[in-house]
Amino acid sequence: MKLRLLIYAAICMSVLLSTTFYWAFNYPEFTHRKGDEFFSFVKYLLFISITFLLSLQLAVKKINFFLVLIQPVASLLLSFVAGIIILLLSGLDGIPKHNILIFGITYTVFTIMFVYLFWHNQTTKKSNA
């Protein structure tokens, strides 16, 4: 079960990071209004992470669905705050490419961190029982 969790986490991390880098360098193809590139990107990340977490929930079967729905929102808020702090400390300009990269990478880190915090204990309890 631990190997399955590791595989799910690796797939999620690769999908979220590849989406982040693709969107950061190709957002003009998908957005038509100024300022829409970031919010469209956030919607895609939320959709991907909710899909991933639901599939993980079906594999583990020990955690409630409320946690699956609240975790992406918590990652979103933490990533937004971390992104603002990183932008202020690094001195980067707030161009859309930087915003997308910073937010996407921090969102991926927080999502994987939450996966291991919540589901790692469930898989070890299940494998030890």
Protein backbone atom coordinates (compact mmCIF):
# COMPACT_ATOMS: atom_id res chain seq x y z
CA MET A 1 0.00 0.00 0.00
CA LYS A 2 2.90 2.37 0.67
CA LEU A 3 4.19 1.77 -2.85
CA ARG A 4 0.77 2.56 -4.27
CA LEU A 5 0.71 5.83 -2.31
CA LEU A 6 4.16 6.69 -3.61
CA ILE A 7 3.06 5.98 -7.18
CA TYR A 8 -0.07 8.13 -6.75
CA ALA A 9 2.01 10.95 -5.28
CA ALA A 10 4.59 10.76 -8.09
CA ILE A 11 1.87 10.82 -10.74
CA CYS A 12 0.13 13.75 -9.07
CA MET A 13 3.37 15.67 -8.66
CA SER A 14 4.40 15.13 -12.28
CA VAL A 15 0.96 16.12 -13.61
CA LEU A 16 0.74 19.24 -11.44
CA LEU A 17 4.29 20.36 -12.26
CA SER A 18 3.98 19.67 -15.97
CA THR A 19 0.69 21.59 -16.03
CA THR A 20 2.37 24.44 -14.18
CA PHE A 21 5.30 24.72 -16.57
CA TYR A 22 3.14 24.29 -19.66
CA TRP A 23 0.67 26.92 -18.50
CA ALA A 24 3.41 29.38 -17.49
CA PHE A 25 4.95 29.39 -20.96
CA ASN A 26 1.79 28.99 -23.06
CA TYR A 27 -0.95 30.89 -21.23
CA PRO A 28 -1.54 33.43 -24.05
CA GLU A 29 -2.94 30.61 -26.18
CA PHE A 30 -5.68 29.86 -23.64
CA THR A 31 -6.61 33.21 -22.14
CA HIS A 32 -8.20 36.10 -23.92
CA ARG A 33 -8.58 38.66 -21.16
CA LYS A 34 -5.92 40.28 -19.05
CA GLY A 35 -5.78 38.78 -15.59
CA ASP A 36 -7.64 35.63 -16.60
CA GLU A 37 -4.48 33.54 -16.96
CA PHE A 38 -3.95 33.04 -13.23
CA PHE A 39 -7.55 32.22 -12.33
CA SER A 40 -7.92 29.81 -15.23
CA PHE A 41 -4.74 28.10 -14.07
CA VAL A 42 -6.06 27.83 -10.50
CA LYS A 43 -9.26 26.19 -11.78
CA TYR A 44 -7.24 23.60 -13.70
CA LEU A 45 -5.05 22.84 -10.69
CA LEU A 46 -8.06 22.44 -8.44
CA PHE A 47 -9.74 20.10 -10.93
CA ILE A 48 -6.59 17.98 -11.27
CA SER A 49 -5.97 17.78 -7.52
CA ILE A 50 -9.60 16.96 -6.67
CA THR A 51 -9.57 14.20 -9.30
CA PHE A 52 -6.32 12.86 -7.88
CA LEU A 53 -7.54 12.98 -4.29
CA LEU A 54 -10.81 11.24 -5.15
CA SER A 55 -8.91 8.43 -6.84
CA LEU A 56 -6.62 8.22 -3.82
CA GLN A 57 -9.67 8.13 -1.55
CA LEU A 58 -11.06 5.18 -3.49
CA ALA A 59 -7.75 3.36 -3.15
CA VAL A 60 -7.33 3.93 0.61
CA LYS A 61 -11.03 3.82 1.64
CA LYS A 62 -10.36 4.96 5.21
CA ILE A 63 -10.68 8.71 5.13
CA ASN A 64 -13.78 10.88 4.81
CA PHE A 65 -14.76 12.81 1.71
CA PHE A 66 -14.92 16.10 3.60
CA LEU A 67 -11.13 15.97 3.93
CA VAL A 68 -10.81 15.30 0.20
CA LEU A 69 -12.84 18.42 -0.57
CA ILE A 70 -11.25 20.72 2.03
CA GLN A 71 -7.62 19.79 1.30
CA PRO A 72 -7.40 21.51 -2.14
CA VAL A 73 -8.86 24.69 -0.66
CA ALA A 74 -6.35 24.61 2.20
CA SER A 75 -3.51 24.05 -0.29
CA LEU A 76 -4.85 26.91 -2.40
CA LEU A 77 -4.87 29.36 0.51
CA LEU A 78 -1.45 28.29 1.80
CA SER A 79 0.03 28.52 -1.70
CA PHE A 80 -1.40 31.97 -2.22
CA VAL A 81 0.09 33.25 1.04
CA ALA A 82 3.42 31.50 0.38
CA GLY A 83 3.47 32.93 -3.15
CA ILE A 84 3.00 36.47 -1.88
CA ILE A 85 5.77 35.98 0.67
CA ILE A 86 8.11 34.54 -1.97
CA LEU A 87 7.37 37.43 -4.35
CA LEU A 88 8.02 40.00 -1.62
CA LEU A 89 11.24 38.37 -0.42
CA SER A 90 12.70 37.53 -3.83
CA GLY A 91 12.12 40.85 -5.52
CA LEU A 92 10.63 39.19 -8.61
CA ASP A 93 8.24 41.18 -10.72
CA GLY A 94 4.62 40.13 -10.60
CA ILE A 95 4.46 39.10 -14.24
CA PRO A 96 2.02 36.26 -14.97
CA LYS A 97 4.76 33.73 -15.71
CA HIS A 98 6.35 34.24 -12.29
CA ASN A 99 2.99 34.17 -10.53
CA ILE A 100 1.99 30.93 -12.24
CA LEU A 101 5.32 29.23 -11.56
CA ILE A 102 5.47 30.26 -7.91
CA PHE A 103 1.86 29.36 -7.21
CA GLY A 104 2.00 26.06 -9.11
CA ILE A 105 5.17 24.86 -7.43
CA THR A 106 4.01 25.81 -3.93
CA TYR A 107 0.58 24.27 -4.59
CA THR A 108 2.26 21.02 -5.66
CA VAL A 109 4.45 20.98 -2.55
CA PHE A 110 1.50 21.59 -0.22
CA THR A 111 -0.66 19.00 -1.97
CA ILE A 112 2.00 16.29 -1.71
CA MET A 113 2.66 17.30 1.90
CA PHE A 114 -1.05 16.93 2.75
CA VAL A 115 -1.19 13.58 0.96
CA TYR A 116 1.59 12.23 3.11
CA LEU A 117 0.21 13.77 6.30
CA PHE A 118 -3.26 12.33 5.90
CA TRP A 119 -2.91 9.16 3.82
CA HIS A 120 0.48 7.85 4.92
CA ASN A 121 -0.88 7.01 8.37
CA GLN A 122 -3.88 5.27 6.84
CA THR A 123 -1.72 3.08 4.60
CA THR A 124 0.65 2.11 7.41
CA LYS A 125 -2.24 1.24 9.75
CA LYS A 126 -3.81 -0.88 7.03
CA SER A 127 -0.58 -2.70 6.17
CA ASN A 128 0.31 -3.35 9.84
CA ALA A 129 -3.13 -4.70 10.75
